[in-house]
PDB file of N, CA and C in Angstrom:
ATOM      1  N   MET A   1     199.870 145.281 115.576  1.00  0.00           N
ATOM      2  CA  MET A   1     199.283 146.520 116.643  1.00  0.00           C
ATOM      3  C   MET A   1     197.661 146.564 115.545  1.00  0.00           C
ATOM      4  N   ASP A   2     197.400 147.220 116.250  1.00  0.00           N
ATOM      5  CA  ASP A   2     195.714 147.606 115.523  1.00  0.00           C
ATOM      6  C   ASP A   2     196.315 148.792 114.137  1.00  0.00           C
ATOM      7  N   LYS A   3     195.960 148.227 113.090  1.00  0.00           N
ATOM      8  CA  LYS A   3     196.197 149.125 111.791  1.00  0.00           C
ATOM      9  C   LYS A   3     195.554 150.807 112.224  1.00  0.00           C
ATOM     10  N   ALA A   4     194.388 150.853 112.543  1.00  0.00           N
ATOM     11  CA  ALA A   4     194.029 152.411 112.939  1.00  0.00           C
ATOM     12  C   ALA A   4     194.815 152.375 113.646  1.00  0.00           C
ATOM     13  N   ILE A   5     195.085 152.173 114.758  1.00  0.00           N
ATOM     14  CA  ILE A   5     195.650 152.636 115.960  1.00  0.00           C
ATOM     15  C   ILE A   5     197.048 153.177 115.573  1.00  0.00           C
ATOM     16  N   GLU A   6     197.905 152.436 114.424  1.00  0.00           N
ATOM     17  CA  GLU A   6     198.872 152.665 113.623  1.00  0.00           C
ATOM     18  C   GLU A   6     199.448 153.835 112.894  1.00  0.00           C
ATOM     19  N   ALA A   7     198.023 153.557 112.311  1.00  0.00           N
ATOM     20  CA  ALA A   7     197.889 155.057 111.362  1.00  0.00           C
ATOM     21  C   ALA A   7     197.343 156.322 112.022  1.00  0.00           C
ATOM     22  N   MET A   8     196.373 156.062 112.694  1.00  0.00           N
ATOM     23  CA  MET A   8     196.653 157.693 114.066  1.00  0.00           C
ATOM     24  C   MET A   8     197.873 157.616 114.179  1.00  0.00           C
ATOM     25  N   LEU A   9     199.346 156.923 115.211  1.00  0.00           N
ATOM     26  CA  LEU A   9     199.848 157.310 115.758  1.00  0.00           C
ATOM     27  C   LEU A   9     200.642 157.939 114.624  1.00  0.00           C
ATOM     28  N   ASP A  10     201.122 157.348 113.033  1.00  0.00           N
ATOM     29  CA  ASP A  10     202.016 157.817 112.379  1.00  0.00           C
ATOM     30  C   ASP A  10     201.730 159.217 112.075  1.00  0.00           C
ATOM     31  N   ALA A  11     200.109 159.621 111.797  1.00  0.00           N
ATOM     32  CA  ALA A  11     199.522 160.739 111.355  1.00  0.00           C
ATOM     33  C   ALA A  11     200.343 162.152 112.327  1.00  0.00           C
ATOM     34  N   PHE A  12     199.579 161.433 113.603  1.00  0.00           N
ATOM     35  CA  PHE A  12     200.039 162.340 114.729  1.00  0.00           C
ATOM     36  C   PHE A  12     201.640 162.557 114.667  1.00  0.00           C
ATOM     37  N   ILE A  13     202.625 161.657 114.691  1.00  0.00           N
ATOM     38  CA  ILE A  13     203.784 161.808 114.969  1.00  0.00           C
ATOM     39  C   ILE A  13     204.383 162.665 113.388  1.00  0.00           C
ATOM     40  N   ALA A  14     204.469 162.617 112.446  1.00  0.00           N
ATOM     41  CA  ALA A  14     204.743 163.124 111.105  1.00  0.00           C
ATOM     42  C   ALA A  14     203.923 164.727 111.566  1.00  0.00           C
ATOM     43  N   ALA A  15     203.151 165.094 111.612  1.00  0.00           N
ATOM     44  CA  ALA A  15     202.167 166.271 111.441  1.00  0.00           C
ATOM     45  C   ALA A  15     203.033 167.655 112.004  1.00  0.00           C
ATOM     46  N   ASP A  16     203.384 168.620 111.436  1.00  0.00           N
ATOM     47  CA  ASP A  16     204.006 169.624 111.822  1.00  0.00           C
ATOM     48  C   ASP A  16     203.288 170.207 113.036  1.00  0.00           C
ATOM     49  N   ARG A  17     202.356 170.424 113.054  1.00  0.00           N
ATOM     50  CA  ARG A  17     201.476 171.053 114.006  1.00  0.00           C
ATOM     51  C   ARG A  17     199.724 169.879 114.892  1.00  0.00           C
ATOM     52  N   PRO A  18     200.444 169.122 115.692  1.00  0.00           N
ATOM     53  CA  PRO A  18     199.376 167.948 115.456  1.00  0.00           C
ATOM     54  C   PRO A  18     198.312 168.199 116.407  1.00  0.00           C
ATOM     55  N   SER A  19     197.281 167.493 115.810  1.00  0.00           N
ATOM     56  CA  SER A  19     196.203 168.012 116.219  1.00  0.00           C
ATOM     57  C   SER A  19     195.822 167.221 117.506  1.00  0.00           C
ATOM     58  N   MET A  20     195.088 167.973 118.589  1.00  0.00           N
ATOM     59  CA  MET A  20     195.340 167.454 119.648  1.00  0.00           C
ATOM     60  C   MET A  20     193.907 166.765 119.719  1.00  0.00           C
ATOM     61  N   LEU A  21     192.532 167.262 118.382  1.00  0.00           N
ATOM     62  CA  LEU A  21     191.461 166.193 118.776  1.00  0.00           C
ATOM     63  C   LEU A  21     192.296 164.946 118.108  1.00  0.00           C
ATOM     64  N   LEU A  22     192.928 164.631 116.900  1.00  0.00           N
ATOM     65  CA  LEU A  22     193.509 163.256 117.271  1.00  0.00           C
ATOM     66  C   LEU A  22     194.443 162.130 118.645  1.00  0.00           C
ATOM     67  N   ALA A  23     195.001 163.232 119.113  1.00  0.00           N
ATOM     68  CA  ALA A  23     195.258 163.163 120.457  1.00  0.00           C
ATOM     69  C   ALA A  23     194.501 162.041 121.361  1.00  0.00           C
ATOM     70  N   ASN A  24     193.329 162.880 121.325  1.00  0.00           N
ATOM     71  CA  ASN A  24     192.245 162.524 122.444  1.00  0.00           C
ATOM     72  C   ASN A  24     191.727 160.939 121.103  1.00  0.00           C
ATOM     73  N   GLU A  25     191.739 161.250 120.105  1.00  0.00           N
ATOM     74  CA  GLU A  25     190.893 159.700 119.661  1.00  0.00           C
ATOM     75  C   GLU A  25     192.125 158.660 119.901  1.00  0.00           C
ATOM     76  N   ILE A  26     193.676 159.049 119.542  1.00  0.00           N
ATOM     77  CA  ILE A  26     194.591 157.906 120.257  1.00  0.00           C
ATOM     78  C   ILE A  26     194.401 157.907 121.089  1.00  0.00           C
ATOM     79  N   GLU A  27     194.285 158.517 122.366  1.00  0.00           N
ATOM     80  CA  GLU A  27     194.295 158.063 123.875  1.00  0.00           C
ATOM     81  C   GLU A  27     192.970 157.185 123.767  1.00  0.00           C
ATOM     82  N   VAL A  28     191.886 157.824 123.318  1.00  0.00           N
ATOM     83  CA  VAL A  28     190.508 156.571 123.384  1.00  0.00           C
ATOM     84  C   VAL A  28     190.811 155.295 122.915  1.00  0.00           C
ATOM     85  N   ALA A  29     191.521 155.443 121.177  1.00  0.00           N
ATOM     86  CA  ALA A  29     191.322 154.229 120.934  1.00  0.00           C
ATOM     87  C   ALA A  29     192.619 153.231 121.533  1.00  0.00           C
ATOM     88  N   LEU A  30     193.356 153.588 122.008  1.00  0.00           N
ATOM     89  CA  LEU A  30     194.942 153.113 122.850  1.00  0.00           C
ATOM     90  C   LEU A  30     194.136 152.366 124.558  1.00  0.00           C
ATOM     91  N   ASP A  31     193.258 153.372 124.909  1.00  0.00           N
ATOM     92  CA  ASP A  31     192.454 152.715 125.916  1.00  0.00           C
ATOM     93  C   ASP A  31     191.237 151.738 125.633  1.00  0.00           C
ATOM     94  N   ASP A  32     190.821 151.779 124.758  1.00  0.00           N
ATOM     95  CA  ASP A  32     190.055 150.760 124.021  1.00  0.00           C
ATOM     96  C   ASP A  32     190.884 149.636 123.821  1.00  0.00           C
ATOM     97  N   ALA A  33     191.290 149.342 123.749  1.00  0.00           N
ATOM     98  CA  ALA A  33     192.533 148.586 122.817  1.00  0.00           C
ATOM     99  C   ALA A  33     193.394 147.392 124.027  1.00  0.00           C
ATOM    100  N   TYR A  34     193.990 148.531 125.055  1.00  0.00           N
ATOM    101  CA  TYR A  34     194.850 147.768 125.767  1.00  0.00           C
ATOM    102  C   TYR A  34     194.570 148.463 127.276  1.00  0.00           C
ATOM    103  N   PRO A  35     193.230 147.766 127.658  1.00  0.00           N
ATOM    104  CA  PRO A  35     192.478 148.359 129.086  1.00  0.00           C
ATOM    105  C   PRO A  35     193.756 148.250 130.330  1.00  0.00           C
ATOM    106  N   ASP A  36     194.190 146.882 130.474  1.00  0.00           N
ATOM    107  CA  ASP A  36     195.330 147.034 131.027  1.00  0.00           C
ATOM    108  C   ASP A  36     196.893 147.755 131.022  1.00  0.00           C
ATOM    109  N   GLU A  37     196.635 148.815 130.140  1.00  0.00           N
ATOM    110  CA  GLU A  37     198.354 149.214 130.019  1.00  0.00           C
ATOM    111  C   GLU A  37     197.633 150.589 130.049  1.00  0.00           C
ATOM    112  N   GLY A  38     196.672 151.309 131.103  1.00  0.00           N
ATOM    113  CA  GLY A  38     196.448 152.816 131.738  1.00  0.00           C
ATOM    114  C   GLY A  38     197.812 153.317 131.631  1.00  0.00           C
ATOM    115  N   GLY A  39     197.602 154.494 131.791  1.00  0.00           N
ATOM    116  CA  GLY A  39     198.600 155.579 132.378  1.00  0.00           C
ATOM    117  C   GLY A  39     198.417 156.898 132.339  1.00  0.00           C
ATOM    118  N   GLU A  40     199.301 157.871 132.246  1.00  0.00           N
ATOM    119  CA  GLU A  40     198.759 159.606 132.711  1.00  0.00           C
ATOM    120  C   GLU A  40     197.980 159.806 131.232  1.00  0.00           C
ATOM    121  N   PHE A  41     197.146 160.454 131.740  1.00  0.00           N
ATOM    122  CA  PHE A  41     196.351 161.796 130.383  1.00  0.00           C
ATOM    123  C   PHE A  41     197.509 162.429 129.099  1.00  0.00           C
ATOM    124  N   LEU A  42     197.199 162.068 127.907  1.00  0.00           N
ATOM    125  CA  LEU A  42     198.253 163.159 127.044  1.00  0.00           C
ATOM    126  C   LEU A  42     197.621 164.765 127.171  1.00  0.00           C
ATOM    127  N   TYR A  43     198.409 165.294 127.055  1.00  0.00           N
ATOM    128  CA  TYR A  43     198.076 166.776 127.500  1.00  0.00           C
ATOM    129  C   TYR A  43     199.185 168.187 126.627  1.00  0.00           C
ATOM    130  N   ASP A  44     200.113 167.578 126.070  1.00  0.00           N
ATOM    131  CA  ASP A  44     200.945 168.546 125.598  1.00  0.00           C
ATOM    132  C   ASP A  44     201.367 167.975 124.106  1.00  0.00           C
ATOM    133  N   ALA A  45     201.673 168.658 123.369  1.00  0.00           N
ATOM    134  CA  ALA A  45     202.115 167.979 122.194  1.00  0.00           C
ATOM    135  C   ALA A  45     203.138 167.499 122.029  1.00  0.00           C
ATOM    136  N   GLU A  46     204.084 167.871 122.581  1.00  0.00           N
ATOM    137  CA  GLU A  46     205.479 167.713 122.464  1.00  0.00           C
ATOM    138  C   GLU A  46     205.133 166.637 123.219  1.00  0.00           C
ATOM    139  N   ALA A  47     204.647 166.456 124.344  1.00  0.00           N
ATOM    140  CA  ALA A  47     204.527 165.055 125.517  1.00  0.00           C
ATOM    141  C   ALA A  47     204.124 164.167 124.767  1.00  0.00           C
ATOM    142  N   ILE A  48     202.977 164.703 123.765  1.00  0.00           N
ATOM    143  CA  ILE A  48     202.560 163.505 123.541  1.00  0.00           C
ATOM    144  C   ILE A  48     203.371 162.638 122.164  1.00  0.00           C
ATOM    145  N   ARG A  49     203.801 163.249 121.485  1.00  0.00           N
ATOM    146  CA  ARG A  49     204.772 162.842 120.464  1.00  0.00           C
ATOM    147  C   ARG A  49     206.108 162.156 120.823  1.00  0.00           C
ATOM    148  N   ALA A  50     206.478 162.190 121.421  1.00  0.00           N
ATOM    149  CA  ALA A  50     207.402 161.736 122.156  1.00  0.00           C
ATOM    150  C   ALA A  50     207.013 160.564 122.650  1.00  0.00           C
ATOM    151  N   LYS A  51     205.931 160.466 123.863  1.00  0.00           N
ATOM    152  CA  LYS A  51     205.158 159.367 123.789  1.00  0.00           C
ATOM    153  C   LYS A  51     204.821 158.519 123.286  1.00  0.00           C
ATOM    154  N   LEU A  52     203.921 158.973 122.279  1.00  0.00           N
ATOM    155  CA  LEU A  52     203.414 158.159 120.804  1.00  0.00           C
ATOM    156  C   LEU A  52     205.062 157.266 120.339  1.00  0.00           C
ATOM    157  N   VAL A  53     205.888 158.056 120.153  1.00  0.00           N
ATOM    158  CA  VAL A  53     206.903 157.169 119.342  1.00  0.00           C
ATOM    159  C   VAL A  53     207.643 155.866 120.189  1.00  0.00           C
ATOM    160  N   ARG A  54     207.654 156.189 121.883  1.00  0.00           N
ATOM    161  CA  ARG A  54     207.644 155.077 122.764  1.00  0.00           C
ATOM    162  C   ARG A  54     206.392 154.205 122.284  1.00  0.00           C
ATOM    163  N   GLU A  55     205.558 154.463 122.089  1.00  0.00           N
ATOM    164  CA  GLU A  55     203.950 153.409 122.272  1.00  0.00           C
ATOM    165  C   GLU A  55     204.503 152.945 120.902  1.00  0.00           C
ATOM    166  N   ARG A  56     204.659 153.428 119.581  1.00  0.00           N
ATOM    167  CA  ARG A  56     204.444 152.626 118.696  1.00  0.00           C
ATOM    168  C   ARG A  56     205.599 152.014 118.524  1.00  0.00           C
ATOM    169  N   ASP A  57     206.691 151.954 119.431  1.00  0.00           N
ATOM    170  CA  ASP A  57     207.923 151.464 118.664  1.00  0.00           C
ATOM    171  C   ASP A  57     207.897 149.906 119.916  1.00  0.00           C
ATOM    172  N   TYR A  58     207.142 149.934 121.218  1.00  0.00           N
ATOM    173  CA  TYR A  58     206.802 149.477 121.992  1.00  0.00           C
ATOM    174  C   TYR A  58     205.227 147.969 120.873  1.00  0.00           C
ATOM    175  N   LEU A  59     204.555 148.877 120.345  1.00  0.00           N
ATOM    176  CA  LEU A  59     203.304 148.070 119.745  1.00  0.00           C
ATOM    177  C   LEU A  59     203.868 147.016 118.687  1.00  0.00           C
ATOM    178  N   SER A  60     205.132 147.969 117.884  1.00  0.00           N
ATOM    179  CA  SER A  60     205.569 147.271 117.172  1.00  0.00           C
ATOM    180  C   SER A  60     206.452 146.060 117.392  1.00  0.00           C
ATOM    181  N   ALA A  61     206.658 146.318 118.459  1.00  0.00           N
ATOM    182  CA  ALA A  61     207.544 145.113 119.149  1.00  0.00           C
ATOM    183  C   ALA A  61     206.333 143.877 119.653  1.00  0.00           C
ATOM    184  N   LEU A  62     205.689 144.292 120.225  1.00  0.00           N
ATOM    185  CA  LEU A  62     204.363 143.226 120.694  1.00  0.00           C
ATOM    186  C   LEU A  62     203.924 142.392 119.076  1.00  0.00           C
ATOM    187  N   ALA A  63     204.126 143.170 118.357  1.00  0.00           N
ATOM    188  CA  ALA A  63     203.219 142.624 116.986  1.00  0.00           C
ATOM    189  C   ALA A  63     204.530 141.525 116.674  1.00  0.00           C
ATOM    190  N   ASN A  64     205.550 141.687 116.755  1.00  0.00           N
ATOM    191  CA  ASN A  64     206.702 141.451 115.599  1.00  0.00           C
ATOM    192  C   ASN A  64     207.009 140.147 116.698  1.00  0.00           C
TER     193      ASN A  64
END
């Protein structure tokens, strides 16, 4: 997994009040890095956090 994406995911997941700006940056970075893995737009902080936890686990597994 790209280290910049990993850092953004970690920052968003760990935040008490996640930034929608960061969520948008993550979405763009994921779309750029994985264009064939497109999906729904991120829209709700809790939904985004849950999705990013799953995405981070998936991408970490790919890297191993």
